[in-house]
PDB file of N, CA and C in Angstrom:
ATOM      1  N   MET A   1      79.544  80.181 224.493  1.00  0.00           N
ATOM      2  CA  MET A   1      79.276  80.475 223.089  1.00  0.00           C
ATOM      3  C   MET A   1      79.524  81.952 222.788  1.00  0.00           C
ATOM      4  N   LEU A   2      78.963  82.822 223.622  1.00  0.00           N
ATOM      5  CA  LEU A   2      79.143  84.259 223.425  1.00  0.00           C
ATOM      6  C   LEU A   2      80.606  84.645 223.576  1.00  0.00           C
ATOM      7  N   TRP A   3      81.277  84.040 224.543  1.00  0.00           N
ATOM      8  CA  TRP A   3      82.687  84.337 224.768  1.00  0.00           C
ATOM      9  C   TRP A   3      83.518  83.939 223.550  1.00  0.00           C
ATOM     10  N   THR A   4      83.192  82.812 222.941  1.00  0.00           N
ATOM     11  CA  THR A   4      83.901  82.352 221.755  1.00  0.00           C
ATOM     12  C   THR A   4      83.716  83.318 220.588  1.00  0.00           C
ATOM     13  N   ILE A   5      82.497  83.787 220.409  1.00  0.00           N
ATOM     14  CA  ILE A   5      82.221  84.745 219.337  1.00  0.00           C
ATOM     15  C   ILE A   5      83.013  86.033 219.555  1.00  0.00           C
ATOM     16  N   ALA A   6      83.065  86.498 220.803  1.00  0.00           N
ATOM     17  CA  ALA A   6      83.813  87.727 221.108  1.00  0.00           C
ATOM     18  C   ALA A   6      85.297  87.543 220.790  1.00  0.00           C
ATOM     19  N   VAL A   7      85.860  86.403 221.154  1.00  0.00           N
ATOM     20  CA  VAL A   7      87.288  86.149 220.893  1.00  0.00           C
ATOM     21  C   VAL A   7      87.554  86.085 219.394  1.00  0.00           C
ATOM     22  N   VAL A   8      86.678  85.414 218.650  1.00  0.00           N
ATOM     23  CA  VAL A   8      86.858  85.326 217.200  1.00  0.00           C
ATOM     24  C   VAL A   8      86.789  86.712 216.570  1.00  0.00           C
ATOM     25  N   LEU A   9      85.850  87.540 217.013  1.00  0.00           N
ATOM     26  CA  LEU A   9      85.739  88.888 216.457  1.00  0.00           C
ATOM     27  C   LEU A   9      86.964  89.736 216.777  1.00  0.00           C
ATOM     28  N   ILE A  10      87.500  89.584 217.978  1.00  0.00           N
ATOM     29  CA  ILE A  10      88.714  90.333 218.336  1.00  0.00           C
ATOM     30  C   ILE A  10      89.876  89.899 217.449  1.00  0.00           C
ATOM     31  N   LEU A  11      90.004  88.588 217.224  1.00  0.00           N
ATOM     32  CA  LEU A  11      91.084  88.101 216.362  1.00  0.00           C
ATOM     33  C   LEU A  11      90.922  88.607 214.928  1.00  0.00           C
ATOM     34  N   LEU A  12      89.700  88.600 214.421  1.00  0.00           N
ATOM     35  CA  LEU A  12      89.464  89.121 213.068  1.00  0.00           C
ATOM     36  C   LEU A  12      89.746  90.615 212.996  1.00  0.00           C
ATOM     37  N   TRP A  13      89.412  91.335 214.067  1.00  0.00           N
ATOM     38  CA  TRP A  13      89.661  92.769 214.103  1.00  0.00           C
ATOM     39  C   TRP A  13      91.158  93.055 214.065  1.00  0.00           C
ATOM     40  N   ILE A  14      91.919  92.304 214.862  1.00  0.00           N
ATOM     41  CA  ILE A  14      93.376  92.471 214.868  1.00  0.00           C
ATOM     42  C   ILE A  14      93.958  92.116 213.499  1.00  0.00           C
ATOM     43  N   LEU A  15      93.461  91.030 212.911  1.00  0.00           N
ATOM     44  CA  LEU A  15      93.914  90.646 211.578  1.00  0.00           C
ATOM     45  C   LEU A  15      93.604  91.743 210.563  1.00  0.00           C
ATOM     46  N   GLY A  16      92.446  92.365 210.695  1.00  0.00           N
ATOM     47  CA  GLY A  16      92.070  93.455 209.805  1.00  0.00           C
ATOM     48  C   GLY A  16      92.983  94.663 209.954  1.00  0.00           C
ATOM     49  N   LEU A  17      93.393  94.943 211.192  1.00  0.00           N
ATOM     50  CA  LEU A  17      94.310  96.060 211.409  1.00  0.00           C
ATOM     51  C   LEU A  17      95.676  95.768 210.809  1.00  0.00           C
ATOM     52  N   ILE A  18      96.119  94.521 210.919  1.00  0.00           N
ATOM     53  CA  ILE A  18      97.436  94.145 210.414  1.00  0.00           C
ATOM     54  C   ILE A  18      97.453  94.154 208.891  1.00  0.00           C
ATOM     55  N   THR A  19      96.398  93.630 208.270  1.00  0.00           N
ATOM     56  CA  THR A  19      96.386  93.488 206.817  1.00  0.00           C
ATOM     57  C   THR A  19      95.693  94.652 206.108  1.00  0.00           C
ATOM     58  N   SER A  20      95.160  95.595 206.881  1.00  0.00           N
ATOM     59  CA  SER A  20      94.427  96.748 206.340  1.00  0.00           C
ATOM     60  C   SER A  20      93.206  96.311 205.522  1.00  0.00           C
ATOM     61  N   PHE A  21      92.606  95.217 205.911  1.00  0.00           N
ATOM     62  CA  PHE A  21      91.411  94.703 205.240  1.00  0.00           C
ATOM     63  C   PHE A  21      90.307  94.593 206.276  1.00  0.00           C
ATOM     64  N   THR A  22      89.319  95.487 206.225  1.00  0.00           N
ATOM     65  CA  THR A  22      88.344  95.568 207.314  1.00  0.00           C
ATOM     66  C   THR A  22      86.918  95.265 206.881  1.00  0.00           C
ATOM     67  N   LEU A  23      86.695  94.862 205.647  1.00  0.00           N
ATOM     68  CA  LEU A  23      85.348  94.568 205.144  1.00  0.00           C
ATOM     69  C   LEU A  23      84.413  95.761 205.328  1.00  0.00           C
ATOM     70  N   GLY A  24      84.929  96.945 205.079  1.00  0.00           N
ATOM     71  CA  GLY A  24      84.096  98.135 205.163  1.00  0.00           C
ATOM     72  C   GLY A  24      83.644  98.474 206.565  1.00  0.00           C
ATOM     73  N   GLY A  25      84.401  98.103 207.563  1.00  0.00           N
ATOM     74  CA  GLY A  25      84.047  98.427 208.942  1.00  0.00           C
ATOM     75  C   GLY A  25      83.095  97.434 209.584  1.00  0.00           C
ATOM     76  N   PHE A  26      82.679  96.401 208.863  1.00  0.00           N
ATOM     77  CA  PHE A  26      81.718  95.431 209.388  1.00  0.00           C
ATOM     78  C   PHE A  26      82.273  94.715 210.615  1.00  0.00           C
ATOM     79  N   ILE A  27      83.542  94.334 210.557  1.00  0.00           N
ATOM     80  CA  ILE A  27      84.168  93.644 211.682  1.00  0.00           C
ATOM     81  C   ILE A  27      84.206  94.559 212.902  1.00  0.00           C
ATOM     82  N   HIS A  28      84.461  95.847 212.694  1.00  0.00           N
ATOM     83  CA  HIS A  28      84.531  96.786 213.806  1.00  0.00           C
ATOM     84  C   HIS A  28      83.165  96.945 214.473  1.00  0.00           C
ATOM     85  N   ILE A  29      82.118  96.982 213.677  1.00  0.00           N
ATOM     86  CA  ILE A  29      80.772  97.090 214.232  1.00  0.00           C
ATOM     87  C   ILE A  29      80.437  95.845 215.050  1.00  0.00           C
ATOM     88  N   LEU A  30      80.754  94.664 214.526  1.00  0.00           N
ATOM     89  CA  LEU A  30      80.494  93.428 215.261  1.00  0.00           C
ATOM     90  C   LEU A  30      81.307  93.359 216.548  1.00  0.00           C
ATOM     91  N   LEU A  31      82.538  93.848 216.506  1.00  0.00           N
ATOM     92  CA  LEU A  31      83.377  93.846 217.698  1.00  0.00           C
ATOM     93  C   LEU A  31      82.774  94.729 218.785  1.00  0.00           C
ATOM     94  N   VAL A  32      82.319  95.904 218.416  1.00  0.00           N
ATOM     95  CA  VAL A  32      81.709  96.811 219.386  1.00  0.00           C
ATOM     96  C   VAL A  32      80.461  96.175 219.990  1.00  0.00           C
ATOM     97  N   ILE A  33      79.644  95.536 219.171  1.00  0.00           N
ATOM     98  CA  ILE A  33      78.441  94.867 219.674  1.00  0.00           C
ATOM     99  C   ILE A  33      78.824  93.751 220.643  1.00  0.00           C
ATOM    100  N   ALA A  34      79.838  92.964 220.303  1.00  0.00           N
ATOM    101  CA  ALA A  34      80.270  91.867 221.170  1.00  0.00           C
ATOM    102  C   ALA A  34      80.781  92.389 222.507  1.00  0.00           C
ATOM    103  N   ILE A  35      81.540  93.467 222.489  1.00  0.00           N
ATOM    104  CA  ILE A  35      82.055  94.045 223.731  1.00  0.00           C
ATOM    105  C   ILE A  35      80.910  94.556 224.591  1.00  0.00           C
ATOM    106  N   ILE A  36      79.930  95.211 223.988  1.00  0.00           N
ATOM    107  CA  ILE A  36      78.785  95.713 224.737  1.00  0.00           C
ATOM    108  C   ILE A  36      78.021  94.567 225.385  1.00  0.00           C
ATOM    109  N   VAL A  37      77.809  93.485 224.642  1.00  0.00           N
ATOM    110  CA  VAL A  37      77.081  92.332 225.194  1.00  0.00           C
ATOM    111  C   VAL A  37      77.847  91.720 226.358  1.00  0.00           C
ATOM    112  N   VAL A  38      79.158  91.577 226.216  1.00  0.00           N
ATOM    113  CA  VAL A  38      79.965  91.015 227.304  1.00  0.00           C
ATOM    114  C   VAL A  38      79.909  91.923 228.522  1.00  0.00           C
ATOM    115  N   LEU A  39      80.012  93.229 228.334  1.00  0.00           N
ATOM    116  CA  LEU A  39      79.944  94.155 229.460  1.00  0.00           C
ATOM    117  C   LEU A  39      78.593  94.100 230.160  1.00  0.00           C
ATOM    118  N   VAL A  40      77.516  94.007 229.399  1.00  0.00           N
ATOM    119  CA  VAL A  40      76.185  93.906 229.998  1.00  0.00           C
ATOM    120  C   VAL A  40      76.086  92.638 230.845  1.00  0.00           C
ATOM    121  N   ARG A  41      76.632  91.535 230.344  1.00  0.00           N
ATOM    122  CA  ARG A  41      76.589  90.285 231.114  1.00  0.00           C
ATOM    123  C   ARG A  41      77.417  90.389 232.379  1.00  0.00           C
ATOM    124  N   VAL A  42      78.563  91.072 232.315  1.00  0.00           N
ATOM    125  CA  VAL A  42      79.399  91.245 233.506  1.00  0.00           C
ATOM    126  C   VAL A  42      78.673  92.112 234.524  1.00  0.00           C
ATOM    127  N   ILE A  43      78.049  93.187 234.072  1.00  0.00           N
ATOM    128  CA  ILE A  43      77.334  94.091 234.977  1.00  0.00           C
ATOM    129  C   ILE A  43      76.176  93.357 235.657  1.00  0.00           C
ATOM    130  N   ARG A  44      75.482  92.518 234.910  1.00  0.00           N
ATOM    131  CA  ARG A  44      74.353  91.760 235.480  1.00  0.00           C
ATOM    132  C   ARG A  44      74.826  90.642 236.401  1.00  0.00           C
ATOM    133  N   GLY A  45      76.111  90.300 236.348  1.00  0.00           N
ATOM    134  CA  GLY A  45      76.655  89.266 237.207  1.00  0.00           C
ATOM    135  C   GLY A  45      76.512  87.875 236.648  1.00  0.00           C
ATOM    136  N   GLU A  46      76.250  87.751 235.367  1.00  0.00           N
ATOM    137  CA  GLU A  46      76.120  86.441 234.754  1.00  0.00           C
ATOM    138  C   GLU A  46      77.511  85.853 234.511  1.00  0.00           C
ATOM    139  N   LYS A  47      77.572  84.542 234.503  1.00  0.00           N
ATOM    140  CA  LYS A  47      78.850  83.875 234.255  1.00  0.00           C
ATOM    141  C   LYS A  47      79.185  83.958 232.766  1.00  0.00           C
ATOM    142  N   ILE A  48      80.392  84.398 232.432  1.00  0.00           N
ATOM    143  CA  ILE A  48      80.793  84.565 231.036  1.00  0.00           C
ATOM    144  C   ILE A  48      81.344  83.265 230.481  1.00  0.00           C
ATOM    145  N   LEU A  49      82.264  82.653 231.211  1.00  0.00           N
ATOM    146  CA  LEU A  49      82.891  81.423 230.715  1.00  0.00           C
ATOM    147  C   LEU A  49      81.970  80.318 231.010  1.00  0.00           C
TER     148      LEU A  49
END
């Protein structure tokens, strides 16, 4: 579930860069949060997929 959310946010972020539509940086903030959560899970050794 978390992995799916991270992938969706990355795709939205890329789409925002391409179309110059970023929703006021909201997508970027969510992307950073998703990356931090994934990194914390990797560091703890939890299974991501």
